[in-house]
Amino acid sequence: MSATALETGHPARGRIMAVMAAAVVLAVALVAAVNLAIPTLAGSELRPSPAQVLWIVDAYVVVFACLLIPAGAAGDRFGRKGVLLSGLAVFAAGCAAAALAPDVGTLIAARAVSGAGAALVMPASLALTVGVYPAAERGHAVAVWTAATGAAGVLGNLGGGLVMEYLPWRALFAVPVALAGVLALLVAVIAPRAPRHRTALDLPGTGLLTAASVALLIGIIEGPSAGWGSALVLGSFGVAVVLLAGFVAHQWRAAAPLLDPRLFAIARLRAGALGVAVTFFGLFALFFMNARFLQEVKGFSPLLTGVAIVPLTIPMIVLSRLAGRFVPRVAVPVGLAGNVAGLALLSFADAAMPYPVYAIGLVIMGAAMGLCLPVLSHEIMAALPGERAGLGSGLNSATRELGSAVGVALMGTVTVAFGMDAGYRAVAGVVLAGTLLVTWWLRAGTRAEA
């Protein structure tokens, strides 16, 4: 882009932003949409076990999370437009394989492939969006893109509900194939090519982090069926610890680490990353159980189930717009505590609970997230120098998706073993522990700055 273009922006920047926002909405919406298909999938011809149902959800999310940071580096190195087009192609291929899957194993593998494509889409779409705006308007561009990622969860619930209302479950994966094809065509036509940079790719670090995350999820998900004292479960937890230790050791030595552990010496960054993780841990545990509860217990249709999540979003949107006025030391603890309260209320949900009472729990959680999430994301970004903004964005997204994956796994596992009320209370307990730790770290960061 010429110097003049850098000052005035790309003439088609509005259309480019719209396409980039649509691409990231598609990638993130599929995380939430699949929850609406769980009851149908559980009774389908594939006959997945409870553990396999969790893998159908989490295979996408864990690959998505672990590849986000290296995918951003790949865009810098090989070209953001090319990486975005590749991501849409991989995403579509995974969705097509899922739609045609003859067995559960194929469906889970296809979901993992789609997650890899989504990881390539997300950072490239943000980088291309920012690149076509002049410096004075880039803050607005980032805000719009971020709002699209926030809206994607709701759109995923609504879109997933709409598809599952009128079409077979395989359509949930077939429809995104067509949407990805249309978006790829639009990207090819209107998105500009950006300069490439000599960015290192930490492939060993990526492999270690992904393997450690998968091992952890195997231990959590397979616990109820294999037994918590079984060799599979204990071995998986042990392997996860060893691989995570190996990842940290590699990051200490690497010339260009995927995620430098020394960054976590910054209390504000630790607080922001953990806070984002536990918030999405609770949110996606809710999404997973909400779909099953409303359809299987309350008898809601898939479409009505998708609409029923809307009370969560209204206070989230309203309070997010006011985030700049909140004091972090107050907003974060109050917001995280609100998540705990909402989850605790929902733990009492049963067939006799009227939906308006259930919706109160959703409103409490939505308000809590609107209060704390923008502040937590800002804490991550503000803890790093401006030239490391890309790392901050990648860390924010990766912790969000990893928190989502573990939240689904824990909710599903505890629910299978002890019931829905125990699942909600276990998730609330983890969020409460995270709240206390985040509050402590935020106060430590404030004292250090003073």
Protein backbone atom coordinates (compact mmCIF):
# COMPACT_ATOMS: atom_id res chain seq x y z
CA MET A 1 0.00 0.00 0.00
CA SER A 2 1.34 3.44 -0.93
CA ALA A 3 2.13 6.19 1.56
CA THR A 4 -0.99 8.08 0.48
CA ALA A 5 -3.14 4.99 1.01
CA LEU A 6 -1.66 4.52 4.45
CA GLU A 7 -2.79 8.06 5.32
CA THR A 8 -6.27 7.93 3.73
CA GLY A 9 -7.07 4.23 3.89
CA HIS A 10 -8.16 1.80 1.20
CA PRO A 11 -11.06 3.17 -0.89
CA ALA A 12 -13.02 -0.08 -0.40
CA ARG A 13 -12.23 -0.42 3.31
CA GLY A 14 -15.89 -0.55 4.34
CA ARG A 15 -16.58 -3.52 2.08
CA ILE A 16 -13.33 -5.19 3.09
CA MET A 17 -14.23 -4.84 6.77
CA ALA A 18 -17.67 -6.35 6.11
CA VAL A 19 -16.13 -9.40 4.42
CA MET A 20 -13.49 -9.83 7.15
CA ALA A 21 -16.14 -9.55 9.86
CA ALA A 22 -18.29 -12.13 8.07
CA ALA A 23 -15.33 -14.51 7.84
CA VAL A 24 -14.58 -14.33 11.56
CA VAL A 25 -18.28 -14.63 12.43
CA LEU A 26 -18.44 -17.85 10.40
CA ALA A 27 -15.39 -19.30 12.15
CA VAL A 28 -16.51 -18.41 15.68
CA ALA A 29 -20.24 -19.08 15.17
CA LEU A 30 -19.60 -22.74 14.41
CA VAL A 31 -18.21 -23.13 17.95
CA ALA A 32 -21.63 -22.27 19.38
CA ALA A 33 -23.86 -23.64 16.60
CA VAL A 34 -22.82 -27.25 17.06
CA ASN A 35 -24.27 -27.26 20.59
CA LEU A 36 -27.77 -26.99 19.10
CA ALA A 37 -27.17 -30.25 17.20
CA ILE A 38 -26.00 -32.27 20.22
CA PRO A 39 -29.39 -33.76 21.16
CA THR A 40 -30.01 -34.74 17.52
CA LEU A 41 -26.48 -36.11 17.09
CA ALA A 42 -26.77 -38.13 20.29
CA GLY A 43 -29.78 -39.96 18.83
CA SER A 44 -28.50 -40.14 15.25
CA GLU A 45 -27.36 -43.17 13.26
CA LEU A 46 -23.79 -42.47 14.40
CA ARG A 47 -24.75 -43.28 18.02
CA PRO A 48 -21.92 -41.33 19.69
CA SER A 49 -21.10 -42.07 23.33
CA PRO A 50 -21.27 -39.19 25.86
CA ALA A 51 -17.47 -38.85 25.61
CA GLN A 52 -17.61 -38.78 21.81
CA VAL A 53 -20.27 -36.05 21.94
CA LEU A 54 -17.82 -33.89 23.91
CA TRP A 55 -15.08 -34.58 21.36
CA ILE A 56 -17.39 -33.52 18.52
CA VAL A 57 -17.60 -30.12 20.22
CA ASP A 58 -14.04 -29.83 21.54
CA ALA A 59 -12.00 -31.16 18.60
CA TYR A 60 -12.79 -27.94 16.74
CA VAL A 61 -12.19 -25.64 19.69
CA VAL A 62 -8.89 -27.04 20.96
CA VAL A 63 -7.23 -27.04 17.51
CA PHE A 64 -8.63 -23.57 16.87
CA ALA A 65 -7.15 -22.32 20.17
CA CYS A 66 -3.70 -23.88 19.88
CA LEU A 67 -3.09 -22.73 16.30
CA LEU A 68 -4.24 -19.11 16.67
CA ILE A 69 -0.86 -17.60 17.57
CA PRO A 70 1.21 -19.52 14.98
CA ALA A 71 -1.50 -18.82 12.39
CA GLY A 72 -1.00 -15.11 12.96
CA ALA A 73 2.74 -15.53 12.43
CA ALA A 74 2.06 -17.54 9.26
CA GLY A 75 -0.01 -14.67 7.88
CA ASP A 76 2.84 -12.22 8.49
CA ARG A 77 5.34 -14.57 6.86
CA PHE A 78 3.45 -15.99 3.88
CA GLY A 79 0.93 -13.25 3.19
CA ARG A 80 -2.30 -12.55 5.03
CA LYS A 81 -4.61 -12.76 2.02
CA GLY A 82 -3.18 -16.12 0.97
CA VAL A 83 -3.40 -17.49 4.51
CA LEU A 84 -7.00 -16.28 4.84
CA LEU A 85 -7.96 -17.97 1.56
CA SER A 86 -6.17 -21.13 2.67
CA GLY A 87 -7.99 -21.00 6.00
CA LEU A 88 -11.40 -20.72 4.32
CA ALA A 89 -10.50 -23.67 2.05
CA VAL A 90 -9.36 -25.85 4.97
CA PHE A 91 -12.41 -24.81 7.00
CA ALA A 92 -14.74 -25.73 4.11
CA ALA A 93 -12.97 -29.05 3.52
CA GLY A 94 -13.36 -29.98 7.19
CA CYS A 95 -17.04 -29.00 7.19
CA ALA A 96 -17.67 -31.02 4.00
CA ALA A 97 -16.01 -34.08 5.55
CA ALA A 98 -18.12 -33.62 8.70
CA ALA A 99 -21.32 -33.38 6.65
CA LEU A 100 -20.46 -36.66 4.88
CA ALA A 101 -18.95 -38.45 7.90
CA PRO A 102 -19.88 -42.16 7.93
CA ASP A 103 -18.83 -42.64 11.57
CA VAL A 104 -18.03 -40.71 14.73
CA GLY A 105 -14.25 -40.94 14.33
CA THR A 106 -14.41 -39.29 10.92
CA LEU A 107 -16.72 -36.58 12.24
CA ILE A 108 -14.33 -35.76 15.11
CA ALA A 109 -11.30 -35.68 12.77
CA ALA A 110 -13.21 -33.45 10.33
CA ARG A 111 -14.07 -31.07 13.15
CA ALA A 112 -10.37 -30.81 14.01
CA VAL A 113 -9.56 -29.94 10.38
CA SER A 114 -12.23 -27.23 10.41
CA GLY A 115 -10.70 -25.84 13.61
CA ALA A 116 -7.32 -25.55 11.88
CA GLY A 117 -8.96 -23.59 9.08
CA ALA A 118 -10.73 -21.30 11.56
CA ALA A 119 -7.39 -20.58 13.26
CA LEU A 120 -5.95 -19.41 9.92
CA VAL A 121 -8.99 -17.21 9.26
CA MET A 122 -9.19 -15.30 12.54
CA PRO A 123 -5.83 -13.44 12.85
CA ALA A 124 -5.54 -12.88 9.09
CA SER A 125 -8.99 -11.26 8.99
CA LEU A 126 -8.04 -8.84 11.78
CA ALA A 127 -4.68 -7.97 10.22
CA LEU A 128 -6.27 -7.29 6.82
CA THR A 129 -8.98 -5.17 8.43
CA VAL A 130 -6.50 -3.02 10.32
CA GLY A 131 -4.22 -2.72 7.29
CA VAL A 132 -6.79 -1.00 5.06
CA TYR A 133 -7.62 1.77 7.55
CA PRO A 134 -5.59 4.90 8.24
CA ALA A 135 -3.94 5.09 11.64
CA ALA A 136 -6.57 7.46 13.05
CA GLU A 137 -9.41 4.99 12.29
CA ARG A 138 -7.77 1.73 13.28
CA GLY A 139 -9.17 1.77 16.81
CA HIS A 140 -12.67 1.88 15.36
CA ALA A 141 -11.82 -0.92 12.93
CA VAL A 142 -10.57 -3.17 15.75
CA ALA A 143 -13.70 -2.40 17.80
CA VAL A 144 -15.99 -3.40 14.92
CA TRP A 145 -14.04 -6.62 14.29
CA THR A 146 -14.11 -7.44 18.03
CA ALA A 147 -17.85 -6.78 18.14
CA ALA A 148 -18.26 -9.27 15.28
CA THR A 149 -16.50 -11.97 17.30
CA GLY A 150 -18.79 -11.22 20.24
CA ALA A 151 -21.92 -11.37 18.08
CA ALA A 152 -20.79 -14.64 16.52
CA GLY A 153 -21.76 -16.74 19.55
CA VAL A 154 -25.33 -15.46 19.43
CA LEU A 155 -25.53 -15.77 15.64
CA GLY A 156 -24.19 -19.30 15.96
CA ASN A 157 -26.99 -20.19 18.37
CA LEU A 158 -29.64 -18.57 16.19
CA GLY A 159 -28.27 -19.93 12.91
CA GLY A 160 -27.70 -23.38 14.35
CA GLY A 161 -31.21 -23.42 15.75
CA LEU A 162 -32.66 -22.37 12.40
CA VAL A 163 -30.78 -25.09 10.50
CA MET A 164 -31.62 -27.79 13.03
CA GLU A 165 -35.29 -26.77 13.03
CA TYR A 166 -35.83 -27.52 9.34
CA LEU A 167 -32.88 -29.59 8.10
CA PRO A 168 -31.02 -32.78 9.12
CA TRP A 169 -27.96 -32.45 11.36
CA ARG A 170 -25.54 -32.90 8.44
CA ALA A 171 -26.79 -29.58 7.03
CA LEU A 172 -25.22 -27.82 10.03
CA PHE A 173 -21.83 -28.64 8.48
CA ALA A 174 -22.89 -28.43 4.83
CA VAL A 175 -24.22 -24.86 5.02
CA PRO A 176 -20.83 -23.41 6.17
CA VAL A 177 -19.19 -25.01 3.10
CA ALA A 178 -21.28 -22.81 0.82
CA LEU A 179 -20.79 -19.74 3.01
CA ALA A 180 -17.00 -20.25 3.08
CA GLY A 181 -16.99 -20.56 -0.72
CA VAL A 182 -18.82 -17.25 -1.15
CA LEU A 183 -16.49 -15.53 1.33
CA ALA A 184 -13.39 -16.93 -0.41
CA LEU A 185 -14.61 -15.49 -3.70
CA LEU A 186 -15.19 -12.08 -2.11
CA VAL A 187 -11.77 -12.14 -0.40
CA ALA A 188 -10.07 -13.04 -3.69
CA VAL A 189 -11.78 -10.13 -5.46
CA ILE A 190 -11.65 -7.24 -2.96
CA ALA A 191 -8.99 -7.94 -0.30
CA PRO A 192 -5.58 -6.33 -0.99
CA ARG A 193 -2.29 -8.14 -0.62
CA ALA A 194 -0.25 -7.01 2.38
CA PRO A 195 3.56 -6.91 2.70
CA ARG A 196 5.22 -10.04 4.08
CA HIS A 197 7.52 -10.04 7.09
CA ARG A 198 10.29 -12.32 8.30
CA THR A 199 8.34 -13.86 11.17
CA ALA A 200 9.56 -17.06 12.83
CA LEU A 201 7.20 -20.01 13.23
CA ASP A 202 7.65 -21.99 16.43
CA LEU A 203 6.42 -25.35 15.13
CA PRO A 204 7.86 -27.44 18.02
CA GLY A 205 6.21 -25.12 20.54
CA THR A 206 2.90 -25.34 18.68
CA GLY A 207 3.08 -29.13 18.63
CA LEU A 208 3.87 -29.37 22.34
CA LEU A 209 1.05 -26.99 23.34
CA THR A 210 -1.50 -28.77 21.15
CA ALA A 211 -0.49 -32.23 22.37
CA ALA A 212 -0.60 -31.10 26.02
CA SER A 213 -4.09 -29.62 25.55
CA VAL A 214 -5.40 -32.78 23.87
CA ALA A 215 -3.91 -34.99 26.62
CA LEU A 216 -5.60 -32.85 29.28
CA LEU A 217 -8.96 -33.11 27.53
CA ILE A 218 -8.59 -36.89 27.14
CA GLY A 219 -8.19 -37.17 30.91
CA ILE A 220 -11.22 -34.98 31.63
CA ILE A 221 -13.54 -36.40 28.96
CA GLU A 222 -12.72 -40.10 29.35
CA GLY A 223 -12.85 -40.05 33.18
CA PRO A 224 -16.49 -41.12 33.64
CA SER A 225 -16.35 -44.03 31.17
CA ALA A 226 -12.79 -45.28 31.73
CA GLY A 227 -12.69 -44.56 35.47
CA TRP A 228 -10.80 -41.74 37.18
CA GLY A 229 -8.17 -44.17 38.45
CA SER A 230 -7.69 -45.93 35.11
CA ALA A 231 -4.36 -46.06 33.32
CA LEU A 232 -5.85 -44.06 30.41
CA VAL A 233 -7.01 -41.16 32.55
CA LEU A 234 -4.06 -40.97 34.94
CA GLY A 235 -1.66 -41.50 32.04
CA SER A 236 -3.31 -38.70 30.06
CA PHE A 237 -3.02 -36.26 32.96
CA GLY A 238 0.60 -37.29 33.45
CA VAL A 239 1.41 -36.85 29.76
CA ALA A 240 -0.29 -33.43 29.82
CA VAL A 241 1.92 -32.31 32.72
CA VAL A 242 5.10 -33.60 31.03
CA LEU A 243 4.22 -32.01 27.68
CA LEU A 244 3.30 -28.70 29.29
CA ALA A 245 6.61 -28.71 31.19
CA GLY A 246 8.36 -29.47 27.90
CA PHE A 247 6.52 -26.59 26.24
CA VAL A 248 7.59 -24.15 28.97
CA ALA A 249 11.20 -25.37 28.83
CA HIS A 250 11.23 -25.01 25.04
CA GLN A 251 9.78 -21.50 25.25
CA TRP A 252 12.53 -20.44 27.68
CA ARG A 253 15.21 -21.56 25.20
CA ALA A 254 13.60 -20.66 21.87
CA ALA A 255 14.97 -17.65 20.00
CA ALA A 256 11.46 -16.75 18.81
CA PRO A 257 9.06 -18.45 21.26
CA LEU A 258 5.40 -19.00 20.52
CA LEU A 259 4.53 -17.59 23.96
CA ASP A 260 7.38 -16.37 26.13
CA PRO A 261 6.73 -17.53 29.75
CA ARG A 262 8.55 -14.43 31.02
CA LEU A 263 5.55 -12.36 29.93
CA PHE A 264 3.53 -13.91 32.74
CA ALA A 265 5.74 -12.14 35.26
CA ILE A 266 3.46 -9.16 34.47
CA ALA A 267 0.60 -9.38 36.96
CA ARG A 268 -1.89 -7.52 34.73
CA LEU A 269 -1.25 -9.88 31.85
CA ARG A 270 -1.64 -12.95 34.09
CA ALA A 271 -4.89 -11.54 35.45
CA GLY A 272 -6.27 -10.68 32.02
CA ALA A 273 -5.41 -14.04 30.47
CA LEU A 274 -6.82 -16.09 33.34
CA GLY A 275 -9.89 -13.86 33.59
CA VAL A 276 -10.71 -14.26 29.89
CA ALA A 277 -10.13 -18.02 30.15
CA VAL A 278 -12.45 -18.56 33.13
CA THR A 279 -15.13 -16.26 31.69
CA PHE A 280 -15.34 -18.26 28.46
CA PHE A 281 -14.95 -21.46 30.48
CA GLY A 282 -18.26 -20.59 32.14
CA LEU A 283 -19.92 -19.22 28.99
CA PHE A 284 -19.33 -22.26 26.78
CA ALA A 285 -20.14 -24.66 29.57
CA LEU A 286 -23.46 -22.79 29.66
CA PHE A 287 -23.88 -22.98 25.85
CA PHE A 288 -23.25 -26.73 25.94
CA MET A 289 -25.73 -27.45 28.71
CA ASN A 290 -28.29 -24.83 27.65
CA ALA A 291 -28.86 -26.59 24.32
CA ARG A 292 -29.47 -29.95 25.96
CA PHE A 293 -31.55 -28.64 28.88
CA LEU A 294 -33.95 -26.54 26.83
CA GLN A 295 -34.49 -29.21 24.17
CA GLU A 296 -34.44 -32.41 26.23
CA VAL A 297 -35.91 -31.20 29.54
CA LYS A 298 -38.07 -28.20 28.63
CA GLY A 299 -39.11 -29.52 25.20
CA PHE A 300 -38.04 -26.43 23.24
CA SER A 301 -37.50 -26.73 19.50
CA PRO A 302 -33.95 -26.09 18.17
CA LEU A 303 -34.99 -22.68 16.82
CA LEU A 304 -36.66 -21.65 20.08
CA THR A 305 -33.56 -22.84 21.95
CA GLY A 306 -31.41 -20.57 19.79
CA VAL A 307 -33.73 -17.62 20.44
CA ALA A 308 -33.85 -18.39 24.17
CA ILE A 309 -30.18 -17.45 24.62
CA VAL A 310 -30.85 -13.84 23.51
CA PRO A 311 -31.40 -12.50 27.10
CA LEU A 312 -27.72 -13.24 27.69
CA THR A 313 -26.64 -10.84 24.95
CA ILE A 314 -28.60 -7.66 25.67
CA PRO A 315 -26.88 -6.64 28.93
CA MET A 316 -23.55 -7.84 27.52
CA ILE A 317 -23.82 -5.43 24.58
CA VAL A 318 -25.06 -2.51 26.69
CA LEU A 319 -22.37 -2.81 29.36
CA SER A 320 -19.58 -3.51 26.85
CA ARG A 321 -20.22 -0.09 25.31
CA LEU A 322 -19.59 1.49 28.72
CA ALA A 323 -16.41 -0.46 29.42
CA GLY A 324 -14.12 2.57 29.22
CA ARG A 325 -15.77 4.02 32.34
CA PHE A 326 -15.12 0.97 34.53
CA VAL A 327 -12.32 0.71 37.09
CA PRO A 328 -10.56 -2.66 36.54
CA ARG A 329 -10.13 -3.43 40.25
CA VAL A 330 -13.91 -3.14 40.67
CA ALA A 331 -15.33 -4.24 37.30
CA VAL A 332 -13.37 -7.48 37.02
CA PRO A 333 -14.12 -8.99 40.47
CA VAL A 334 -17.77 -7.91 40.27
CA GLY A 335 -18.13 -9.28 36.73
CA LEU A 336 -16.48 -12.61 37.51
CA ALA A 337 -18.52 -12.93 40.71
CA GLY A 338 -21.64 -12.27 38.64
CA ASN A 339 -20.72 -15.24 36.44
CA VAL A 340 -20.50 -17.40 39.56
CA ALA A 341 -23.91 -16.16 40.72
CA GLY A 342 -25.53 -16.81 37.33
CA LEU A 343 -24.09 -20.33 37.13
CA ALA A 344 -25.20 -21.05 40.70
CA LEU A 345 -28.76 -19.95 39.89
CA LEU A 346 -28.85 -22.07 36.73
CA SER A 347 -27.74 -25.10 38.74
CA PHE A 348 -31.28 -25.21 40.20
CA ALA A 349 -32.90 -25.41 36.75
CA ASP A 350 -35.30 -28.30 36.24
CA ALA A 351 -38.44 -29.12 34.26
CA ALA A 352 -40.56 -27.14 36.75
CA MET A 353 -38.52 -23.91 36.53
CA PRO A 354 -40.36 -21.35 34.35
CA TYR A 355 -38.27 -20.01 31.49
CA PRO A 356 -38.44 -16.37 32.78
CA VAL A 357 -36.68 -17.50 35.97
CA TYR A 358 -34.11 -19.39 33.91
CA ALA A 359 -33.63 -16.26 31.80
CA ILE A 360 -32.69 -14.29 34.93
CA GLY A 361 -29.59 -16.47 35.22
CA LEU A 362 -28.77 -15.70 31.58
CA VAL A 363 -29.21 -11.96 32.16
CA ILE A 364 -26.93 -12.06 35.22
CA MET A 365 -24.22 -13.84 33.24
CA GLY A 366 -24.60 -11.49 30.27
CA ALA A 367 -24.28 -8.42 32.49
CA ALA A 368 -21.29 -9.94 34.26
CA MET A 369 -19.47 -10.62 30.99
CA GLY A 370 -20.27 -7.19 29.60
CA LEU A 371 -18.79 -5.71 32.77
CA CYS A 372 -15.52 -7.63 32.90
CA LEU A 373 -14.60 -8.99 29.45
CA PRO A 374 -13.64 -5.70 27.72
CA VAL A 375 -11.62 -4.71 30.79
CA LEU A 376 -9.81 -8.07 30.90
CA SER A 377 -8.95 -7.86 27.20
CA HIS A 378 -7.67 -4.32 27.71
CA GLU A 379 -5.49 -5.50 30.60
CA ILE A 380 -3.80 -8.03 28.31
CA MET A 381 -3.19 -5.47 25.56
CA ALA A 382 -2.13 -2.66 27.94
CA ALA A 383 0.41 -4.92 29.67
CA LEU A 384 2.40 -5.25 26.42
CA PRO A 385 4.21 -2.60 24.35
CA GLY A 386 2.52 -1.41 21.16
CA GLU A 387 4.82 -3.39 18.88
CA ARG A 388 3.60 -6.63 20.53
CA ALA A 389 -0.10 -5.94 19.98
CA GLY A 390 -0.35 -8.94 17.65
CA LEU A 391 0.86 -11.24 20.42
CA GLY A 392 -1.61 -9.70 22.84
CA SER A 393 -4.50 -10.25 20.42
CA GLY A 394 -3.42 -13.85 19.80
CA LEU A 395 -3.08 -14.54 23.52
CA ASN A 396 -6.51 -13.05 24.18
CA SER A 397 -8.12 -15.26 21.53
CA ALA A 398 -6.19 -18.42 22.46
CA THR A 399 -7.05 -18.21 26.17
CA ARG A 400 -10.67 -17.63 25.24
CA GLU A 401 -10.88 -20.76 23.06
CA LEU A 402 -8.89 -22.95 25.47
CA GLY A 403 -11.16 -21.86 28.30
CA SER A 404 -14.17 -22.74 26.12
CA ALA A 405 -12.83 -26.22 25.34
CA VAL A 406 -12.10 -27.08 28.97
CA GLY A 407 -15.45 -25.63 30.09
CA VAL A 408 -17.36 -27.89 27.70
CA ALA A 409 -15.27 -30.90 28.74
CA LEU A 410 -15.73 -30.35 32.47
CA MET A 411 -19.45 -29.55 32.22
CA GLY A 412 -20.12 -32.62 30.09
CA THR A 413 -18.02 -34.93 32.24
CA VAL A 414 -19.46 -33.88 35.61
CA THR A 415 -23.01 -33.86 34.22
CA VAL A 416 -22.68 -37.43 32.92
CA ALA A 417 -21.34 -38.61 36.29
CA PHE A 418 -23.40 -36.56 38.76
CA GLY A 419 -26.15 -34.63 36.97
CA MET A 420 -26.71 -31.16 35.52
CA ASP A 421 -26.83 -29.36 38.87
CA ALA A 422 -23.42 -30.77 39.82
CA GLY A 423 -22.03 -29.73 36.42
CA TYR A 424 -23.08 -26.12 36.92
CA ARG A 425 -21.74 -26.05 40.47
CA ALA A 426 -18.39 -27.52 39.42
CA VAL A 427 -18.04 -24.89 36.69
CA ALA A 428 -19.09 -22.16 39.15
CA GLY A 429 -16.45 -23.40 41.60
CA VAL A 430 -13.69 -23.14 39.01
CA VAL A 431 -14.82 -19.63 38.03
CA LEU A 432 -14.88 -18.64 41.71
CA ALA A 433 -11.30 -19.88 42.21
CA GLY A 434 -10.26 -17.97 39.10
CA THR A 435 -12.04 -14.85 40.39
CA LEU A 436 -10.03 -14.86 43.59
CA LEU A 437 -6.74 -15.35 41.76
CA VAL A 438 -7.48 -12.71 39.12
CA THR A 439 -8.49 -10.19 41.81
CA TRP A 440 -5.25 -10.81 43.70
CA TRP A 441 -3.12 -10.41 40.58
CA LEU A 442 -4.93 -7.23 39.51
CA ARG A 443 -4.28 -5.64 42.90
CA ALA A 444 -0.63 -6.74 42.71
CA GLY A 445 -0.32 -5.14 39.27
CA THR A 446 -1.88 -1.91 40.49
CA ARG A 447 0.49 -1.75 43.47
CA ALA A 448 3.48 -2.40 41.19
CA GLU A 449 2.47 0.48 38.90
CA ALA A 450 1.99 2.79 41.88
